[in-house]
Amino acid sequence: MTTLTQVAETHRPGPRGGGTDVRAEILWAARELFAEQGFRGTTIRAVAARAGVDVALVPYYFGNKDALFEAALDTAGDVSARLDELFVGDPASLGQRLVLGIDAMLSDEGSGSAMLALMRSAVAEGPGRQAALIFANAVILATYRRHIETPDAALRASLAASQIIGFALARYVLNIEPLASMSSTDAAANVGPTLQRYLLDPLPEACESARKLEA
């Protein structure tokens, strides 16, 4: 990836030469800023400054902030495929395997930035919150439901999603210690059993009302 030093020049609106992938630079900067600041806290001007490009280039390539946000978080297919892979293996270790795999995704420069950007934006109004809801339903919940072969799959998927989203927020967004500094292995050992119970173990009878909603 081209460094900020290499691109920190002033440019006129429109594509620039020299072989630099300006669109990719803007996306890289947008992912970082959306992950750090959320949708509401990120501006077009800040994205341009982080990418080292003229501010007019951002709308030139993406139109507006909503479209930039959507493009920067376009990792749904990759996340879904990686989640599918985590379900392959011994069911008895599924919970820990999911925690390890999702923790690795959150640490990844690409998918991690996108997922954290969604989480930071989920608590705000507008496109950021809507995008987070769509991602949670279409990727996280849908993937879980595909692999849970029980009548209460939707209930289990929503409980599992609440656990893993809470884990991600506490560890990567709020930086709650000692979870934030815990090794992936220790995090999986602690969080995995709860996730396992939501996905595969018997659920309390109190969940009967929620099951009826699925019928």
Protein backbone atom coordinates (compact mmCIF):
# COMPACT_ATOMS: atom_id res chain seq x y z
CA MET A 1 0.00 0.00 0.00
CA THR A 2 1.21 3.46 -0.89
CA THR A 3 2.23 5.43 2.20
CA LEU A 4 0.77 8.77 3.24
CA THR A 5 4.16 10.37 2.63
CA GLN A 6 3.99 9.31 -1.01
CA VAL A 7 0.54 10.75 -1.54
CA ALA A 8 0.65 13.83 0.71
CA GLU A 9 0.63 16.32 -2.14
CA THR A 10 -2.04 18.78 -3.22
CA HIS A 11 -3.95 17.67 -6.33
CA ARG A 12 -6.63 19.12 -8.50
CA PRO A 13 -10.03 17.36 -8.69
CA GLY A 14 -10.10 14.34 -10.98
CA PRO A 15 -7.91 11.26 -11.34
CA ARG A 16 -4.19 11.69 -10.80
CA GLY A 17 -1.39 9.94 -12.59
CA GLY A 18 1.75 8.17 -11.45
CA GLY A 19 0.11 4.79 -10.97
CA THR A 20 -1.38 5.64 -7.56
CA ASP A 21 -4.74 3.95 -6.90
CA VAL A 22 -6.51 7.00 -5.53
CA ARG A 23 -9.81 5.20 -4.96
CA ALA A 24 -8.07 2.53 -2.89
CA GLU A 25 -6.25 5.20 -0.87
CA ILE A 26 -9.53 6.95 -0.09
CA LEU A 27 -11.17 3.65 0.92
CA TRP A 28 -8.24 2.78 3.16
CA ALA A 29 -8.47 6.17 4.88
CA ALA A 30 -12.26 5.94 5.15
CA ARG A 31 -12.13 2.50 6.77
CA GLU A 32 -9.68 3.75 9.38
CA LEU A 33 -11.68 6.87 10.19
CA PHE A 34 -15.08 5.15 10.25
CA ALA A 35 -13.59 2.54 12.58
CA GLU A 36 -12.13 5.25 14.84
CA GLN A 37 -14.92 7.84 14.72
CA GLY A 38 -18.05 6.12 13.44
CA PHE A 39 -20.24 7.46 10.63
CA ARG A 40 -21.28 10.68 12.35
CA GLY A 41 -17.78 11.62 13.47
CA THR A 42 -16.15 11.12 10.08
CA THR A 43 -16.10 13.91 7.50
CA ILE A 44 -15.22 13.95 3.83
CA ARG A 45 -12.51 16.49 4.57
CA ALA A 46 -10.97 14.24 7.26
CA VAL A 47 -10.95 11.28 4.87
CA ALA A 48 -9.20 13.34 2.21
CA ALA A 49 -6.63 14.56 4.73
CA ARG A 50 -5.94 11.01 5.98
CA ALA A 51 -5.53 9.78 2.39
CA GLY A 52 -3.40 12.78 1.43
CA VAL A 53 -5.62 13.76 -1.49
CA ASP A 54 -7.53 16.85 -2.58
CA VAL A 55 -10.91 16.95 -0.81
CA ALA A 56 -12.71 17.16 -4.17
CA LEU A 57 -11.46 13.69 -5.08
CA VAL A 58 -13.65 12.00 -2.48
CA PRO A 59 -16.99 13.05 -4.03
CA TYR A 60 -15.40 12.60 -7.47
CA TYR A 61 -15.00 8.86 -6.78
CA PHE A 62 -17.84 8.20 -4.32
CA GLY A 63 -20.44 10.95 -4.61
CA ASN A 64 -21.25 11.51 -0.92
CA LYS A 65 -20.48 10.22 2.55
CA ASP A 66 -23.28 7.64 2.50
CA ALA A 67 -21.88 6.02 -0.64
CA LEU A 68 -18.34 6.18 0.74
CA PHE A 69 -19.49 4.46 3.95
CA GLU A 70 -21.17 1.69 1.97
CA ALA A 71 -18.10 1.16 -0.21
CA ALA A 72 -15.69 1.21 2.74
CA LEU A 73 -17.69 -1.51 4.50
CA ASP A 74 -18.16 -3.74 1.48
CA THR A 75 -16.71 -6.81 3.18
CA ALA A 76 -19.98 -8.63 3.85
CA GLY A 77 -19.24 -11.49 1.46
CA ASP A 78 -15.80 -12.06 2.93
CA VAL A 79 -17.05 -12.01 6.52
CA SER A 80 -19.91 -14.38 5.71
CA ALA A 81 -17.57 -16.84 3.98
CA ARG A 82 -15.12 -16.78 6.87
CA LEU A 83 -17.94 -17.35 9.36
CA ASP A 84 -19.12 -20.31 7.28
CA GLU A 85 -15.65 -21.84 7.56
CA LEU A 86 -15.71 -21.54 11.36
CA PHE A 87 -18.79 -23.77 11.57
CA VAL A 88 -16.87 -26.64 9.94
CA GLY A 89 -15.47 -28.98 12.56
CA ASP A 90 -16.33 -30.55 15.90
CA PRO A 91 -19.62 -29.08 17.21
CA ALA A 92 -18.33 -29.46 20.77
CA SER A 93 -15.71 -26.76 20.19
CA LEU A 94 -17.85 -24.45 18.01
CA GLY A 95 -18.14 -21.66 20.59
CA GLN A 96 -14.41 -21.30 21.15
CA ARG A 97 -13.71 -21.68 17.42
CA LEU A 98 -16.08 -18.83 16.63
CA VAL A 99 -14.52 -16.54 19.23
CA LEU A 100 -11.02 -17.26 17.92
CA GLY A 101 -12.09 -16.73 14.31
CA ILE A 102 -14.06 -13.55 14.92
CA ASP A 103 -11.26 -12.17 17.07
CA ALA A 104 -8.90 -12.76 14.14
CA MET A 105 -11.29 -10.97 11.79
CA LEU A 106 -11.55 -8.00 14.14
CA SER A 107 -7.75 -7.78 14.23
CA ASP A 108 -7.55 -7.84 10.43
CA GLU A 109 -6.79 -4.51 8.76
CA GLY A 110 -9.58 -4.89 6.21
CA SER A 111 -12.51 -6.77 7.72
CA GLY A 112 -11.70 -5.58 11.23
CA SER A 113 -11.84 -1.90 10.33
CA ALA A 114 -15.14 -2.41 8.52
CA MET A 115 -16.75 -4.34 11.39
CA LEU A 116 -15.58 -1.86 14.01
CA ALA A 117 -16.84 1.03 11.91
CA LEU A 118 -20.26 -0.58 11.87
CA MET A 119 -20.22 -1.06 15.63
CA ARG A 120 -19.23 2.54 16.32
CA SER A 121 -21.95 3.74 13.96
CA ALA A 122 -24.68 1.43 15.27
CA VAL A 123 -25.50 3.72 18.20
CA ALA A 124 -26.01 6.77 15.98
CA GLU A 125 -28.97 7.69 13.81
CA GLY A 126 -28.92 7.69 10.05
CA PRO A 127 -27.11 5.59 7.43
CA GLY A 128 -24.49 4.29 9.85
CA ARG A 129 -27.05 2.70 12.13
CA GLN A 130 -29.04 1.33 9.20
CA ALA A 131 -25.91 -0.19 7.68
CA ALA A 132 -25.03 -1.83 10.99
CA LEU A 133 -28.51 -3.33 11.27
CA ILE A 134 -28.41 -4.65 7.72
CA PHE A 135 -24.97 -6.17 8.31
CA ALA A 136 -26.06 -7.82 11.57
CA ASN A 137 -29.18 -9.32 9.99
CA ALA A 138 -27.87 -10.21 6.55
CA VAL A 139 -24.42 -11.46 7.55
CA ILE A 140 -24.10 -12.41 11.23
CA LEU A 141 -27.62 -13.67 11.94
CA ALA A 142 -28.17 -15.19 8.50
CA THR A 143 -24.89 -17.10 8.67
CA TYR A 144 -25.63 -18.45 12.14
CA ARG A 145 -29.13 -19.54 11.09
CA ARG A 146 -27.79 -21.45 8.09
CA HIS A 147 -25.81 -23.70 10.40
CA ILE A 148 -28.27 -24.17 13.27
CA GLU A 149 -30.59 -27.06 12.40
CA THR A 150 -33.23 -26.52 15.07
CA PRO A 151 -36.70 -24.91 15.02
CA ASP A 152 -35.44 -22.10 17.26
CA ALA A 153 -32.52 -21.19 14.97
CA ALA A 154 -33.47 -17.50 14.78
CA LEU A 155 -33.65 -17.22 18.57
CA ARG A 156 -30.29 -18.93 19.02
CA ALA A 157 -28.71 -16.79 16.30
CA SER A 158 -29.89 -13.57 17.96
CA LEU A 159 -28.57 -14.67 21.37
CA ALA A 160 -25.22 -15.68 19.86
CA ALA A 161 -25.00 -12.38 17.98
CA SER A 162 -25.65 -10.43 21.18
CA GLN A 163 -22.76 -12.25 22.84
CA ILE A 164 -20.23 -11.79 20.07
CA ILE A 165 -21.18 -8.15 19.38
CA GLY A 166 -20.88 -7.40 23.09
CA PHE A 167 -17.51 -9.12 23.14
CA ALA A 168 -16.30 -7.09 20.16
CA LEU A 169 -17.50 -3.78 21.62
CA ALA A 170 -15.94 -4.44 25.02
CA ARG A 171 -12.63 -5.66 23.61
CA TYR A 172 -12.07 -3.38 20.61
CA VAL A 173 -14.26 -0.28 20.99
CA LEU A 174 -14.56 0.36 24.73
CA ASN A 175 -11.24 -1.35 25.55
CA ILE A 176 -12.53 -2.80 28.81
CA GLU A 177 -9.73 -4.42 30.79
CA PRO A 178 -8.60 -7.09 31.28
CA LEU A 179 -10.61 -8.35 28.29
CA ALA A 180 -9.00 -5.81 25.95
CA SER A 181 -5.49 -7.11 26.68
CA MET A 182 -6.41 -10.79 27.00
CA SER A 183 -4.91 -13.26 24.54
CA SER A 184 -7.25 -14.66 21.89
CA THR A 185 -6.92 -18.10 23.45
CA ASP A 186 -7.94 -16.88 26.90
CA ALA A 187 -10.79 -14.84 25.44
CA ALA A 188 -12.08 -17.90 23.59
CA ALA A 189 -11.81 -20.03 26.74
CA ASN A 190 -13.93 -17.51 28.68
CA VAL A 191 -16.46 -16.40 26.07
CA GLY A 192 -16.67 -19.59 24.01
CA PRO A 193 -18.75 -21.66 26.48
CA THR A 194 -21.49 -19.00 26.62
CA LEU A 195 -21.58 -18.79 22.84
CA GLN A 196 -21.68 -22.59 22.71
CA ARG A 197 -24.72 -22.67 25.01
CA TYR A 198 -26.60 -20.16 22.89
CA LEU A 199 -25.90 -22.05 19.67
CA LEU A 200 -26.23 -25.71 20.62
CA ASP A 201 -27.08 -26.40 24.28
CA PRO A 202 -30.60 -26.61 25.73
CA LEU A 203 -32.19 -23.22 26.36
CA PRO A 204 -34.37 -22.29 29.36
CA GLU A 205 -38.13 -22.81 29.18
CA ALA A 206 -38.48 -19.04 29.58
CA CYS A 207 -37.52 -18.79 25.92
CA GLU A 208 -40.83 -20.42 24.91
CA SER A 209 -42.47 -17.06 24.18
CA ALA A 210 -39.62 -16.13 21.84
CA ARG A 211 -39.95 -19.47 20.08
CA LYS A 212 -43.62 -18.80 19.44
CA LEU A 213 -42.70 -15.54 17.71
CA GLU A 214 -40.62 -17.53 15.23
CA ALA A 215 -43.52 -19.86 14.37
